[in-house]
Amino acid sequence: MRTPKFFLQASFGIYRDGRYIELSKKEAIGRIANIGEAFLKPSIDSSSGEGCCLINMKDGINKLDGRSARDILLDAGDHFIIQERLKCHESITALYPNSVNTFRVITYRWKDGYYHMPVIMRIGRGGNYLDNAHAGGMFIAINDEGVLNRTAYTEFKEEYTVHPDTGITFEGYRVESFPKVLAAAKRMSQMIPQIGCINWDFTIDAEGEPVLIEANMDCGSVWLIEMAHGCGPFGDRTTEVLQWLRKMRRLPGSERHWYRFGKMQK
């Protein structure tokens, strides 16, 4: 599975380069001094685009805000990653070119199968380079064939049938290669079957291939799905899943493992 190339990451203040080789702080500063355009984001306890920023490094200075490479690392803290700035497929950039527009695919394991909740596409607007709803972006329902619904929403339920910046009409608009995203999400879920529900963020690159941005183990923002699709996140399984959750809440933690994924394990 393709993921964004990264130039530098930090975990508990330990710096590593794109080959996972540990670096000193001085080496880390030198590593990003001339990387050009890149995207910096927190790697722990982040959400809604908070702490994310574009950088454009030349001779140790960020051309976008004048900060030095040293100051960028200082401001980023102990947990972050600096990645390439992705170029999306033309069917995605046509909707809005200034952000990496992504798909939230929530997969879940139920009994003997792997499923996904209805999917939303997140799209930036207003010159912003983030597509997150809390960062001013919008979101819209997309079906399994990659066709958009009629209406996109903001977190305050402002409604758009046409993108305000590009003039693209949403209804019937098709994102190329989208079924590959769903296949990739299912395949990735099967690689970590012990986790029952995962919130994946994908985009599609210029060649039409899925790119995994990140996997979130909580905070899936199910309300976005409910607002965009107008239905429960588990579809026809919603009643059964809710009944199972109520049962789990009544059981002591020591007994819940017998009923994991909605199936009696004994």
C-alpha atoms as a PDB file:
ATOM      1  CA  MET A   1       0.000   0.000   0.000  1.00  0.00           C
ATOM      2  CA  ARG A   2       1.401   3.353  -0.985  1.00  0.00           C
ATOM      3  CA  THR A   3       1.771   5.916   1.794  1.00  0.00           C
ATOM      4  CA  PRO A   4       3.173   9.440   1.524  1.00  0.00           C
ATOM      5  CA  LYS A   5       6.964   9.590   1.377  1.00  0.00           C
ATOM      6  CA  PHE A   6       8.312  11.165   4.531  1.00  0.00           C
ATOM      7  CA  PHE A   7      11.445  13.218   5.061  1.00  0.00           C
ATOM      8  CA  LEU A   8      11.571  13.310   8.845  1.00  0.00           C
ATOM      9  CA  GLN A   9       9.599  12.001  11.787  1.00  0.00           C
ATOM     10  CA  ALA A  10       9.869  12.457  15.528  1.00  0.00           C
ATOM     11  CA  SER A  11       8.632  10.125  18.239  1.00  0.00           C
ATOM     12  CA  PHE A  12       9.243  11.111  21.879  1.00  0.00           C
ATOM     13  CA  GLY A  13      11.771  13.615  20.559  1.00  0.00           C
ATOM     14  CA  ILE A  14      13.762  10.959  18.669  1.00  0.00           C
ATOM     15  CA  TYR A  15      14.304  11.999  15.055  1.00  0.00           C
ATOM     16  CA  ARG A  16      14.418   9.526  12.127  1.00  0.00           C
ATOM     17  CA  ASP A  17      14.806  10.043   8.415  1.00  0.00           C
ATOM     18  CA  GLY A  18      12.868   8.445   5.550  1.00  0.00           C
ATOM     19  CA  ARG A  19      14.864   5.217   5.962  1.00  0.00           C
ATOM     20  CA  TYR A  20      14.101   5.083   9.705  1.00  0.00           C
ATOM     21  CA  ILE A  21      17.693   5.939  10.586  1.00  0.00           C
ATOM     22  CA  GLU A  22      18.022   7.868  13.836  1.00  0.00           C
ATOM     23  CA  LEU A  23      19.334  11.425  13.577  1.00  0.00           C
ATOM     24  CA  SER A  24      20.661  14.018  15.967  1.00  0.00           C
ATOM     25  CA  LYS A  25      18.753  17.283  16.178  1.00  0.00           C
ATOM     26  CA  LYS A  26      21.471  18.993  14.136  1.00  0.00           C
ATOM     27  CA  GLU A  27      21.204  16.297  11.474  1.00  0.00           C
ATOM     28  CA  ALA A  28      17.401  16.590  11.489  1.00  0.00           C
ATOM     29  CA  ILE A  29      17.637  20.326  10.894  1.00  0.00           C
ATOM     30  CA  GLY A  30      19.975  19.718   7.980  1.00  0.00           C
ATOM     31  CA  ARG A  31      17.726  16.995   6.577  1.00  0.00           C
ATOM     32  CA  ILE A  32      14.782  19.369   6.034  1.00  0.00           C
ATOM     33  CA  ALA A  33      16.780  22.476   5.079  1.00  0.00           C
ATOM     34  CA  ASN A  34      16.186  22.081   1.329  1.00  0.00           C
ATOM     35  CA  ILE A  35      13.280  19.669   0.913  1.00  0.00           C
ATOM     36  CA  GLY A  36      11.078  22.211  -0.852  1.00  0.00           C
ATOM     37  CA  GLU A  37       7.315  21.819  -0.457  1.00  0.00           C
ATOM     38  CA  ALA A  38       6.230  19.433   2.288  1.00  0.00           C
ATOM     39  CA  PHE A  39       3.448  18.863   4.808  1.00  0.00           C
ATOM     40  CA  LEU A  40       3.996  18.763   8.567  1.00  0.00           C
ATOM     41  CA  LYS A  41       1.471  17.214  10.946  1.00  0.00           C
ATOM     42  CA  PRO A  42       1.347  15.973  14.546  1.00  0.00           C
ATOM     43  CA  SER A  43       1.486  12.185  14.862  1.00  0.00           C
ATOM     44  CA  ILE A  44      -0.178  11.669  18.262  1.00  0.00           C
ATOM     45  CA  ASP A  45      -3.545  12.915  19.569  1.00  0.00           C
ATOM     46  CA  SER A  46      -4.219  15.121  16.579  1.00  0.00           C
ATOM     47  CA  SER A  47      -7.536  15.706  14.841  1.00  0.00           C
ATOM     48  CA  SER A  48      -9.351  18.062  12.495  1.00  0.00           C
ATOM     49  CA  GLY A  49      -6.119  19.309  10.942  1.00  0.00           C
ATOM     50  CA  GLU A  50      -4.966  20.958  14.166  1.00  0.00           C
ATOM     51  CA  GLY A  51      -1.222  21.604  14.112  1.00  0.00           C
ATOM     52  CA  CYS A  52      -0.884  20.746  10.398  1.00  0.00           C
ATOM     53  CA  CYS A  53       0.895  23.154   8.092  1.00  0.00           C
ATOM     54  CA  LEU A  54       2.551  23.467   4.712  1.00  0.00           C
ATOM     55  CA  ILE A  55       6.234  24.313   4.558  1.00  0.00           C
ATOM     56  CA  ASN A  56       8.511  25.185   1.648  1.00  0.00           C
ATOM     57  CA  MET A  57      12.129  24.840   2.718  1.00  0.00           C
ATOM     58  CA  LYS A  58      15.046  26.485   0.924  1.00  0.00           C
ATOM     59  CA  ASP A  59      18.477  27.137   2.509  1.00  0.00           C
ATOM     60  CA  GLY A  60      17.099  26.337   5.962  1.00  0.00           C
ATOM     61  CA  ILE A  61      14.225  28.846   5.779  1.00  0.00           C
ATOM     62  CA  ASN A  62      10.522  28.251   5.280  1.00  0.00           C
ATOM     63  CA  LYS A  63       9.624  30.475   2.336  1.00  0.00           C
ATOM     64  CA  LEU A  64       5.983  30.605   3.499  1.00  0.00           C
ATOM     65  CA  ASP A  65       6.485  32.213   6.907  1.00  0.00           C
ATOM     66  CA  GLY A  66      10.223  32.919   7.341  1.00  0.00           C
ATOM     67  CA  ARG A  67      10.802  30.404  10.132  1.00  0.00           C
ATOM     68  CA  SER A  68      14.119  28.594  10.286  1.00  0.00           C
ATOM     69  CA  ALA A  69      14.374  24.807  10.180  1.00  0.00           C
ATOM     70  CA  ARG A  70      15.404  24.884  13.854  1.00  0.00           C
ATOM     71  CA  ASP A  71      12.289  26.879  14.804  1.00  0.00           C
ATOM     72  CA  ILE A  72      10.054  24.540  12.816  1.00  0.00           C
ATOM     73  CA  LEU A  73      11.321  21.530  14.778  1.00  0.00           C
ATOM     74  CA  LEU A  74      10.968  23.417  18.040  1.00  0.00           C
ATOM     75  CA  ASP A  75       7.374  24.411  17.269  1.00  0.00           C
ATOM     76  CA  ALA A  76       6.476  20.888  16.105  1.00  0.00           C
ATOM     77  CA  GLY A  77       7.282  19.291  19.465  1.00  0.00           C
ATOM     78  CA  ASP A  78       8.216  15.662  20.128  1.00  0.00           C
ATOM     79  CA  HIS A  79       5.684  13.830  17.932  1.00  0.00           C
ATOM     80  CA  PHE A  80       5.319  14.799  14.274  1.00  0.00           C
ATOM     81  CA  ILE A  81       5.989  13.749  10.700  1.00  0.00           C
ATOM     82  CA  ILE A  82       7.071  15.769   7.660  1.00  0.00           C
ATOM     83  CA  GLN A  83       5.809  14.239   4.420  1.00  0.00           C
ATOM     84  CA  GLU A  84       5.749  14.952   0.716  1.00  0.00           C
ATOM     85  CA  ARG A  85       2.953  17.168  -0.530  1.00  0.00           C
ATOM     86  CA  LEU A  86       0.781  14.758  -2.473  1.00  0.00           C
ATOM     87  CA  LYS A  87      -0.565  15.383  -5.957  1.00  0.00           C
ATOM     88  CA  CYS A  88      -4.075  13.997  -6.346  1.00  0.00           C
ATOM     89  CA  HIS A  89      -5.773  12.535  -9.385  1.00  0.00           C
ATOM     90  CA  GLU A  90      -7.203  15.116 -11.785  1.00  0.00           C
ATOM     91  CA  SER A  91     -10.761  14.030 -10.975  1.00  0.00           C
ATOM     92  CA  ILE A  92     -10.057  15.111  -7.376  1.00  0.00           C
ATOM     93  CA  THR A  93      -8.123  18.324  -8.048  1.00  0.00           C
ATOM     94  CA  ALA A  94     -10.841  19.479 -10.463  1.00  0.00           C
ATOM     95  CA  LEU A  95     -13.219  19.704  -7.493  1.00  0.00           C
ATOM     96  CA  TYR A  96     -10.775  21.870  -5.520  1.00  0.00           C
ATOM     97  CA  PRO A  97      -7.033  22.055  -6.230  1.00  0.00           C
ATOM     98  CA  ASN A  98      -5.597  23.681  -3.099  1.00  0.00           C
ATOM     99  CA  SER A  99      -5.999  20.788  -0.663  1.00  0.00           C
ATOM    100  CA  VAL A 100      -5.413  17.041  -0.659  1.00  0.00           C
ATOM    101  CA  ASN A 101      -9.068  15.997  -0.716  1.00  0.00           C
ATOM    102  CA  THR A 102      -9.562  12.729   1.123  1.00  0.00           C
ATOM    103  CA  PHE A 103     -12.016   9.908   1.742  1.00  0.00           C
ATOM    104  CA  ARG A 104     -13.000   8.781   5.233  1.00  0.00           C
ATOM    105  CA  VAL A 105     -13.537   5.024   5.020  1.00  0.00           C
ATOM    106  CA  ILE A 106     -14.574   3.413   8.296  1.00  0.00           C
ATOM    107  CA  THR A 107     -14.192  -0.360   8.189  1.00  0.00           C
ATOM    108  CA  TYR A 108     -15.495  -2.726  10.812  1.00  0.00           C
ATOM    109  CA  ARG A 109     -15.362  -6.442  11.471  1.00  0.00           C
ATOM    110  CA  TRP A 110     -18.701  -8.046  12.199  1.00  0.00           C
ATOM    111  CA  LYS A 111     -18.926 -11.769  12.851  1.00  0.00           C
ATOM    112  CA  ASP A 112     -17.091 -13.428   9.943  1.00  0.00           C
ATOM    113  CA  GLY A 113     -16.985 -10.490   7.549  1.00  0.00           C
ATOM    114  CA  TYR A 114     -15.357  -7.102   6.917  1.00  0.00           C
ATOM    115  CA  TYR A 115     -17.576  -4.182   5.965  1.00  0.00           C
ATOM    116  CA  HIS A 116     -17.389  -0.431   5.497  1.00  0.00           C
ATOM    117  CA  MET A 117     -19.736   2.291   6.600  1.00  0.00           C
ATOM    118  CA  PRO A 118     -21.073   4.723   3.986  1.00  0.00           C
ATOM    119  CA  VAL A 119     -18.142   6.817   2.801  1.00  0.00           C
ATOM    120  CA  ILE A 120     -17.707  10.574   2.727  1.00  0.00           C
ATOM    121  CA  MET A 121     -15.351  12.695   0.663  1.00  0.00           C
ATOM    122  CA  ARG A 122     -13.817  15.744   2.331  1.00  0.00           C
ATOM    123  CA  ILE A 123     -13.098  18.767   0.160  1.00  0.00           C
ATOM    124  CA  GLY A 124     -11.331  22.017   0.951  1.00  0.00           C
ATOM    125  CA  ARG A 125     -12.638  25.463   0.082  1.00  0.00           C
ATOM    126  CA  GLY A 126     -11.873  29.164   0.318  1.00  0.00           C
ATOM    127  CA  GLY A 127      -8.168  28.902  -0.469  1.00  0.00           C
ATOM    128  CA  ASN A 128      -7.517  26.630   2.516  1.00  0.00           C
ATOM    129  CA  TYR A 129      -5.061  23.726   2.125  1.00  0.00           C
ATOM    130  CA  LEU A 130      -6.938  21.543   4.655  1.00  0.00           C
ATOM    131  CA  ASP A 131     -10.065  19.562   3.828  1.00  0.00           C
ATOM    132  CA  ASN A 132     -11.192  18.844   7.415  1.00  0.00           C
ATOM    133  CA  ALA A 133     -14.692  19.942   8.389  1.00  0.00           C
ATOM    134  CA  HIS A 134     -13.426  21.599  11.581  1.00  0.00           C
ATOM    135  CA  ALA A 135     -10.851  23.479   9.475  1.00  0.00           C
ATOM    136  CA  GLY A 136     -13.443  25.029   7.181  1.00  0.00           C
ATOM    137  CA  GLY A 137     -13.797  22.229   4.631  1.00  0.00           C
ATOM    138  CA  MET A 138     -16.925  20.479   3.440  1.00  0.00           C
ATOM    139  CA  PHE A 139     -17.960  16.846   3.153  1.00  0.00           C
ATOM    140  CA  ILE A 140     -20.253  14.929   0.853  1.00  0.00           C
ATOM    141  CA  ALA A 141     -21.619  11.418   0.449  1.00  0.00           C
ATOM    142  CA  ILE A 142     -19.946   9.254  -2.176  1.00  0.00           C
ATOM    143  CA  ASN A 143     -21.271   5.871  -3.270  1.00  0.00           C
ATOM    144  CA  ASP A 144     -19.236   2.708  -3.780  1.00  0.00           C
ATOM    145  CA  GLU A 145     -18.775   3.474  -7.498  1.00  0.00           C
ATOM    146  CA  GLY A 146     -17.263   6.880  -6.730  1.00  0.00           C
ATOM    147  CA  VAL A 147     -20.258   9.048  -7.633  1.00  0.00           C
ATOM    148  CA  LEU A 148     -20.972  12.089  -5.465  1.00  0.00           C
ATOM    149  CA  ASN A 149     -24.322  12.904  -3.924  1.00  0.00           C
ATOM    150  CA  ARG A 150     -26.195  16.137  -4.573  1.00  0.00           C
ATOM    151  CA  THR A 151     -25.278  18.154  -1.475  1.00  0.00           C
ATOM    152  CA  ALA A 152     -22.068  18.898   0.414  1.00  0.00           C
ATOM    153  CA  TYR A 153     -22.185  20.164   3.994  1.00  0.00           C
ATOM    154  CA  THR A 154     -20.041  22.108   6.416  1.00  0.00           C
ATOM    155  CA  GLU A 155     -19.932  21.279  10.125  1.00  0.00           C
ATOM    156  CA  PHE A 156     -22.528  24.038  10.657  1.00  0.00           C
ATOM    157  CA  LYS A 157     -24.796  22.380   8.049  1.00  0.00           C
ATOM    158  CA  GLU A 158     -24.293  24.984   5.392  1.00  0.00           C
ATOM    159  CA  GLU A 159     -25.302  23.290   2.147  1.00  0.00           C
ATOM    160  CA  TYR A 160     -23.661  23.444  -1.285  1.00  0.00           C
ATOM    161  CA  THR A 161     -24.726  21.759  -4.501  1.00  0.00           C
ATOM    162  CA  VAL A 162     -21.902  23.483  -6.418  1.00  0.00           C
ATOM    163  CA  HIS A 163     -18.362  24.013  -5.135  1.00  0.00           C
ATOM    164  CA  PRO A 164     -18.100  27.736  -4.294  1.00  0.00           C
ATOM    165  CA  ASP A 165     -14.547  28.055  -5.649  1.00  0.00           C
ATOM    166  CA  THR A 166     -14.467  25.852  -8.745  1.00  0.00           C
ATOM    167  CA  GLY A 167     -18.110  25.890  -9.829  1.00  0.00           C
ATOM    168  CA  ILE A 168     -18.209  22.078 -10.147  1.00  0.00           C
ATOM    169  CA  THR A 169     -21.686  20.591  -9.688  1.00  0.00           C
ATOM    170  CA  PHE A 170     -21.523  17.750  -7.192  1.00  0.00           C
ATOM    171  CA  GLU A 171     -24.485  15.575  -8.162  1.00  0.00           C
ATOM    172  CA  GLY A 172     -23.403  12.772 -10.464  1.00  0.00           C
ATOM    173  CA  TYR A 173     -19.728  13.772 -10.415  1.00  0.00           C
ATOM    174  CA  ARG A 174     -17.509  10.676 -10.586  1.00  0.00           C
ATOM    175  CA  VAL A 175     -14.133  10.262  -8.878  1.00  0.00           C
ATOM    176  CA  GLU A 176     -11.995   7.942 -10.963  1.00  0.00           C
ATOM    177  CA  SER A 177     -10.579   4.717  -9.441  1.00  0.00           C
ATOM    178  CA  PHE A 178     -12.578   5.079  -6.227  1.00  0.00           C
ATOM    179  CA  PRO A 179     -13.471   1.340  -5.968  1.00  0.00           C
ATOM    180  CA  LYS A 180      -9.721   0.730  -5.538  1.00  0.00           C
ATOM    181  CA  VAL A 181      -9.894   2.733  -2.299  1.00  0.00           C
ATOM    182  CA  LEU A 182     -12.574   0.460  -0.849  1.00  0.00           C
ATOM    183  CA  ALA A 183     -10.615  -2.649  -1.837  1.00  0.00           C
ATOM    184  CA  ALA A 184      -7.479  -1.220  -0.227  1.00  0.00           C
ATOM    185  CA  ALA A 185      -9.307  -0.374   3.013  1.00  0.00           C
ATOM    186  CA  LYS A 186     -10.685  -3.912   3.273  1.00  0.00           C
ATOM    187  CA  ARG A 187      -7.262  -5.404   2.579  1.00  0.00           C
ATOM    188  CA  MET A 188      -5.620  -3.233   5.231  1.00  0.00           C
ATOM    189  CA  SER A 189      -8.331  -4.161   7.763  1.00  0.00           C
ATOM    190  CA  GLN A 190      -7.652  -7.837   7.158  1.00  0.00           C
ATOM    191  CA  MET A 191      -3.987  -7.255   8.000  1.00  0.00           C
ATOM    192  CA  ILE A 192      -4.895  -6.211  11.560  1.00  0.00           C
ATOM    193  CA  PRO A 193      -7.982  -8.345  12.283  1.00  0.00           C
ATOM    194  CA  GLN A 194      -7.707  -7.880  16.038  1.00  0.00           C
ATOM    195  CA  ILE A 195      -8.929  -4.283  15.677  1.00  0.00           C
ATOM    196  CA  GLY A 196     -12.667  -4.248  15.140  1.00  0.00           C
ATOM    197  CA  CYS A 197     -13.165  -0.743  13.746  1.00  0.00           C
ATOM    198  CA  ILE A 198     -10.675   1.503  11.929  1.00  0.00           C
ATOM    199  CA  ASN A 199     -11.090   4.989  10.477  1.00  0.00           C
ATOM    200  CA  TRP A 200      -8.999   5.186   7.306  1.00  0.00           C
ATOM    201  CA  ASP A 201      -8.105   8.343   5.412  1.00  0.00           C
ATOM    202  CA  PHE A 202      -7.268   7.791   1.741  1.00  0.00           C
ATOM    203  CA  THR A 203      -6.727   9.837  -1.373  1.00  0.00           C
ATOM    204  CA  ILE A 204      -5.989   8.846  -4.989  1.00  0.00           C
ATOM    205  CA  ASP A 205      -2.709   9.852  -6.607  1.00  0.00           C
ATOM    206  CA  ALA A 206      -2.102  11.281 -10.065  1.00  0.00           C
ATOM    207  CA  GLU A 207      -1.747   7.753 -11.498  1.00  0.00           C
ATOM    208  CA  GLY A 208      -5.128   6.666 -10.138  1.00  0.00           C
ATOM    209  CA  GLU A 209      -3.805   4.528  -7.266  1.00  0.00           C
ATOM    210  CA  PRO A 210      -4.985   4.690  -3.620  1.00  0.00           C
ATOM    211  CA  VAL A 211      -2.719   6.398  -1.087  1.00  0.00           C
ATOM    212  CA  LEU A 212      -3.193   5.690   2.612  1.00  0.00           C
ATOM    213  CA  ILE A 213      -2.839   8.950   4.515  1.00  0.00           C
ATOM    214  CA  GLU A 214      -3.403   7.593   8.016  1.00  0.00           C
ATOM    215  CA  ALA A 215      -5.388   5.181  10.157  1.00  0.00           C
ATOM    216  CA  ASN A 216      -7.291   6.436  13.200  1.00  0.00           C
ATOM    217  CA  MET A 217      -8.281   4.013  15.930  1.00  0.00           C
ATOM    218  CA  ASP A 218     -10.877   6.313  17.500  1.00  0.00           C
ATOM    219  CA  CYS A 219     -12.735   9.575  16.822  1.00  0.00           C
ATOM    220  CA  GLY A 220     -14.234   8.486  13.505  1.00  0.00           C
ATOM    221  CA  SER A 221     -16.728  11.390  13.332  1.00  0.00           C
ATOM    222  CA  VAL A 222     -19.653   9.118  12.563  1.00  0.00           C
ATOM    223  CA  TRP A 223     -21.933  12.170  12.618  1.00  0.00           C
ATOM    224  CA  LEU A 224     -20.398  13.271   9.305  1.00  0.00           C
ATOM    225  CA  ILE A 225     -21.612  10.045   7.713  1.00  0.00           C
ATOM    226  CA  GLU A 226     -25.081  10.373   9.224  1.00  0.00           C
ATOM    227  CA  MET A 227     -25.418  13.975   8.031  1.00  0.00           C
ATOM    228  CA  ALA A 228     -24.102  13.346   4.509  1.00  0.00           C
ATOM    229  CA  HIS A 229     -25.880  10.031   3.829  1.00  0.00           C
ATOM    230  CA  GLY A 230     -28.961  10.477   5.994  1.00  0.00           C
ATOM    231  CA  CYS A 231     -28.726   6.945   7.386  1.00  0.00           C
ATOM    232  CA  GLY A 232     -27.253   4.932  10.232  1.00  0.00           C
ATOM    233  CA  PRO A 233     -23.574   4.029   9.893  1.00  0.00           C
ATOM    234  CA  PHE A 234     -24.171   0.257  10.042  1.00  0.00           C
ATOM    235  CA  GLY A 235     -27.035   0.194   7.536  1.00  0.00           C
ATOM    236  CA  ASP A 236     -29.229  -2.897   7.885  1.00  0.00           C
ATOM    237  CA  ARG A 237     -26.949  -4.134  10.699  1.00  0.00           C
ATOM    238  CA  THR A 238     -27.521  -1.042  12.873  1.00  0.00           C
ATOM    239  CA  THR A 239     -30.130  -2.600  15.182  1.00  0.00           C
ATOM    240  CA  GLU A 240     -28.079  -5.759  15.654  1.00  0.00           C
ATOM    241  CA  VAL A 241     -24.876  -3.830  16.375  1.00  0.00           C
ATOM    242  CA  LEU A 242     -26.583  -1.522  18.890  1.00  0.00           C
ATOM    243  CA  GLN A 243     -28.083  -4.509  20.718  1.00  0.00           C
ATOM    244  CA  TRP A 244     -24.631  -6.089  20.885  1.00  0.00           C
ATOM    245  CA  LEU A 245     -23.130  -2.856  22.281  1.00  0.00           C
ATOM    246  CA  ARG A 246     -25.762  -2.701  25.014  1.00  0.00           C
ATOM    247  CA  LYS A 247     -24.961  -6.283  25.932  1.00  0.00           C
ATOM    248  CA  MET A 248     -21.232  -5.548  26.094  1.00  0.00           C
ATOM    249  CA  ARG A 249     -21.812  -2.614  28.440  1.00  0.00           C
ATOM    250  CA  ARG A 250     -23.579  -4.915  30.883  1.00  0.00           C
ATOM    251  CA  LEU A 251     -20.779  -7.479  30.875  1.00  0.00           C
ATOM    252  CA  PRO A 252     -17.591  -7.210  32.969  1.00  0.00           C
ATOM    253  CA  GLY A 253     -14.473  -6.577  30.923  1.00  0.00           C
ATOM    254  CA  SER A 254     -13.175 -10.049  31.699  1.00  0.00           C
ATOM    255  CA  GLU A 255     -16.081 -11.609  29.791  1.00  0.00           C
ATOM    256  CA  ARG A 256     -16.388  -9.326  26.773  1.00  0.00           C
ATOM    257  CA  HIS A 257     -13.765 -11.154  24.742  1.00  0.00           C
ATOM    258  CA  TRP A 258     -16.141 -14.113  24.406  1.00  0.00           C
ATOM    259  CA  TYR A 259     -18.468 -11.966  22.301  1.00  0.00           C
ATOM    260  CA  ARG A 260     -16.001  -9.938  20.235  1.00  0.00           C
ATOM    261  CA  PHE A 261     -17.067  -8.773  16.776  1.00  0.00           C
ATOM    262  CA  GLY A 262     -20.682  -9.702  17.499  1.00  0.00           C
ATOM    263  CA  LYS A 263     -20.029 -13.422  17.554  1.00  0.00           C
ATOM    264  CA  MET A 264     -19.961 -15.935  20.395  1.00  0.00           C
ATOM    265  CA  GLN A 265     -16.364 -17.210  20.538  1.00  0.00           C
ATOM    266  CA  LYS A 266     -16.853 -20.252  22.782  1.00  0.00           C
END
